[in-house]
Amino acid sequence: MGKQERLIAQITQLIAVLDKKEQQEIFDNLFKSKGIPISAFKSDLSGLEIIVRYLKDTEKMAFKEIAILLNRKLPTIYTTYRISQKKWKNKLDITDNSHVIPTNIFGNRKHSILESIVAYMHDTERLQFKEISKLIGRKYPTIVTVYNRYKKK
């Protein structure tokens, strides 16, 4: 057995001792995709513009990588970035990372960007609609409507 196989066997034994919740936390942390701090979503840009701008400017990702991650066409990503630069000259506010929205939730084109954010925060983070409303700077009725639309799809 090689060095890598022994290491994997040891890690597997250590993880097997933990309960299911602890195991899930470890896997979530190991395989956590990049995330966007919640404060970024308070800007006057659209959801897609915020995500593309964050991934390009902060994470230094290539347009092609962003397109693949978000399940969008390359020209769409490039155009979205250029428009966001014209609309918003400042950098995104990424100071509040009390909640980080994983970028892998945006690859499902069945749901809008806002639907994905609200559903993630409500279902996974277990936040109330009122809290979500404050965190992303949208009105409470909008959050409720968006979540209900998400559930219907």
Protein backbone atom coordinates (compact mmCIF):
# COMPACT_ATOMS: atom_id res chain seq x y z
CA MET A 1 0.00 0.00 0.00
CA GLY A 2 1.38 3.39 -1.05
CA LYS A 3 1.73 6.51 1.07
CA GLN A 4 -1.42 8.09 -0.35
CA GLU A 5 -3.54 4.98 0.23
CA ARG A 6 -2.34 4.74 3.87
CA LEU A 7 -3.19 8.38 4.44
CA ILE A 8 -6.67 7.92 2.97
CA ALA A 9 -7.22 4.84 5.15
CA GLN A 10 -6.19 6.75 8.29
CA ILE A 11 -8.45 9.70 7.47
CA THR A 12 -11.34 7.33 6.76
CA GLN A 13 -10.86 5.65 10.14
CA LEU A 14 -10.81 9.00 11.92
CA ILE A 15 -13.96 10.20 10.19
CA ALA A 16 -15.77 6.91 10.85
CA VAL A 17 -15.55 7.60 14.60
CA LEU A 18 -17.56 10.82 14.25
CA ASP A 19 -21.35 11.02 14.22
CA LYS A 20 -23.21 11.79 10.97
CA LYS A 21 -23.56 15.53 11.69
CA GLU A 22 -19.83 15.92 12.39
CA GLN A 23 -18.97 13.93 9.27
CA GLN A 24 -21.21 16.19 7.18
CA GLU A 25 -19.55 19.31 8.61
CA ILE A 26 -16.13 17.97 7.63
CA PHE A 27 -17.27 17.14 4.10
CA ASP A 28 -18.98 20.52 3.75
CA ASN A 29 -15.79 22.31 4.78
CA LEU A 30 -13.55 20.17 2.59
CA PHE A 31 -15.64 20.50 -0.53
CA LYS A 32 -17.07 23.94 0.05
CA SER A 33 -17.11 25.90 -3.14
CA LYS A 34 -16.20 29.52 -3.30
CA GLY A 35 -18.73 31.81 -1.79
CA ILE A 36 -19.81 35.41 -2.02
CA PRO A 37 -20.13 37.50 1.16
CA ILE A 38 -23.71 38.55 1.78
CA SER A 39 -22.88 42.27 1.81
CA ALA A 40 -22.02 42.13 -1.91
CA PHE A 41 -25.70 41.64 -2.70
CA LYS A 42 -26.65 45.07 -1.32
CA SER A 43 -25.28 46.90 -4.36
CA ASP A 44 -27.48 48.33 -7.09
CA LEU A 45 -26.37 45.71 -9.57
CA SER A 46 -28.40 42.68 -10.63
CA GLY A 47 -27.69 39.34 -8.98
CA LEU A 48 -25.80 38.01 -11.99
CA GLU A 49 -23.78 41.23 -12.29
CA ILE A 50 -22.78 40.98 -8.63
CA ILE A 51 -21.72 37.35 -8.94
CA VAL A 52 -19.75 37.86 -12.15
CA ARG A 53 -18.11 41.01 -10.80
CA TYR A 54 -17.16 39.31 -7.54
CA LEU A 55 -15.74 36.21 -9.23
CA LYS A 56 -13.77 38.27 -11.76
CA ASP A 57 -12.51 41.11 -9.54
CA THR A 58 -12.09 39.39 -6.17
CA GLU A 59 -11.53 35.73 -6.99
CA LYS A 60 -9.60 36.57 -10.19
CA MET A 61 -11.40 33.88 -12.17
CA ALA A 62 -11.27 33.79 -15.96
CA PHE A 63 -14.48 34.53 -17.87
CA LYS A 64 -14.52 30.96 -19.17
CA GLU A 65 -14.32 29.53 -15.61
CA ILE A 66 -17.16 31.81 -14.51
CA ALA A 67 -19.27 30.76 -17.50
CA ILE A 68 -18.80 27.09 -16.65
CA LEU A 69 -19.48 27.61 -12.94
CA LEU A 70 -22.67 29.59 -13.58
CA ASN A 71 -23.84 27.46 -16.53
CA ARG A 72 -23.97 30.51 -18.78
CA LYS A 73 -22.55 31.29 -22.23
CA LEU A 74 -19.20 33.06 -22.36
CA PRO A 75 -20.52 36.14 -24.22
CA THR A 76 -23.22 36.54 -21.55
CA ILE A 77 -20.61 36.58 -18.80
CA TYR A 78 -18.37 39.02 -20.62
CA THR A 79 -21.24 41.37 -21.45
CA THR A 80 -22.60 41.18 -17.91
CA TYR A 81 -19.18 42.14 -16.53
CA ARG A 82 -18.79 45.10 -18.90
CA ILE A 83 -22.29 46.41 -18.11
CA SER A 84 -21.66 46.06 -14.37
CA GLN A 85 -18.48 48.12 -14.70
CA LYS A 86 -20.42 50.93 -16.35
CA LYS A 87 -23.25 50.82 -13.80
CA TRP A 88 -21.09 50.49 -10.67
CA LYS A 89 -17.65 52.12 -10.64
CA ASN A 90 -16.90 51.18 -7.02
CA LYS A 91 -15.72 47.86 -5.67
CA LEU A 92 -18.32 45.53 -4.19
CA ASP A 93 -18.80 45.70 -0.43
CA ILE A 94 -17.49 42.38 0.84
CA THR A 95 -17.01 43.41 4.46
CA ASP A 96 -19.87 41.37 5.93
CA ASN A 97 -19.07 37.69 5.54
CA SER A 98 -21.32 36.55 8.38
CA HIS A 99 -23.14 34.63 5.66
CA VAL A 100 -21.41 33.39 2.52
CA ILE A 101 -23.47 32.33 -0.47
CA PRO A 102 -21.83 29.36 -2.24
CA THR A 103 -21.38 29.94 -5.94
CA ASN A 104 -22.34 26.39 -6.88
CA ILE A 105 -26.03 27.13 -6.19
CA PHE A 106 -26.20 29.40 -9.24
CA GLY A 107 -25.50 26.71 -11.83
CA ASN A 108 -29.11 25.52 -11.86
CA ARG A 109 -30.77 27.71 -14.49
CA LYS A 110 -34.23 26.53 -13.41
CA HIS A 111 -34.17 29.17 -10.67
CA SER A 112 -33.31 32.86 -10.82
CA ILE A 113 -30.29 34.23 -8.96
CA LEU A 114 -32.49 35.83 -6.30
CA GLU A 115 -34.57 32.66 -5.91
CA SER A 116 -31.40 30.65 -5.36
CA ILE A 117 -30.08 33.10 -2.77
CA VAL A 118 -33.34 33.30 -0.82
CA ALA A 119 -33.88 29.53 -0.88
CA TYR A 120 -30.31 28.88 0.26
CA MET A 121 -30.56 31.36 3.11
CA HIS A 122 -33.98 30.15 4.21
CA ASP A 123 -33.60 26.39 3.74
CA THR A 124 -29.90 25.88 4.49
CA GLU A 125 -28.96 28.79 6.73
CA ARG A 126 -32.40 28.67 8.43
CA LEU A 127 -32.86 32.44 8.33
CA GLN A 128 -36.23 34.14 8.61
CA PHE A 129 -37.47 36.11 5.59
CA LYS A 130 -37.19 39.30 7.65
CA GLU A 131 -33.47 38.65 8.25
CA ILE A 132 -32.86 37.80 4.60
CA SER A 133 -34.60 41.02 3.61
CA LYS A 134 -32.26 43.09 5.78
CA LEU A 135 -29.12 41.24 4.73
CA ILE A 136 -29.61 41.64 0.98
CA GLY A 137 -31.42 44.97 0.99
CA ARG A 138 -34.68 43.82 -0.58
CA LYS A 139 -38.20 44.38 0.67
CA TYR A 140 -39.81 41.69 2.83
CA PRO A 141 -42.75 41.02 0.44
CA THR A 142 -40.26 40.57 -2.40
CA ILE A 143 -38.38 37.91 -0.43
CA VAL A 144 -41.59 36.03 0.40
CA THR A 145 -42.78 36.18 -3.22
CA VAL A 146 -39.42 35.01 -4.56
CA TYR A 147 -39.32 32.08 -2.12
CA ASN A 148 -42.87 31.02 -3.02
CA ARG A 149 -41.94 31.17 -6.71
CA TYR A 150 -38.89 29.01 -5.96
CA LYS A 151 -41.06 26.40 -4.21
CA LYS A 152 -43.52 26.22 -7.12
CA LYS A 153 -40.82 25.41 -9.66
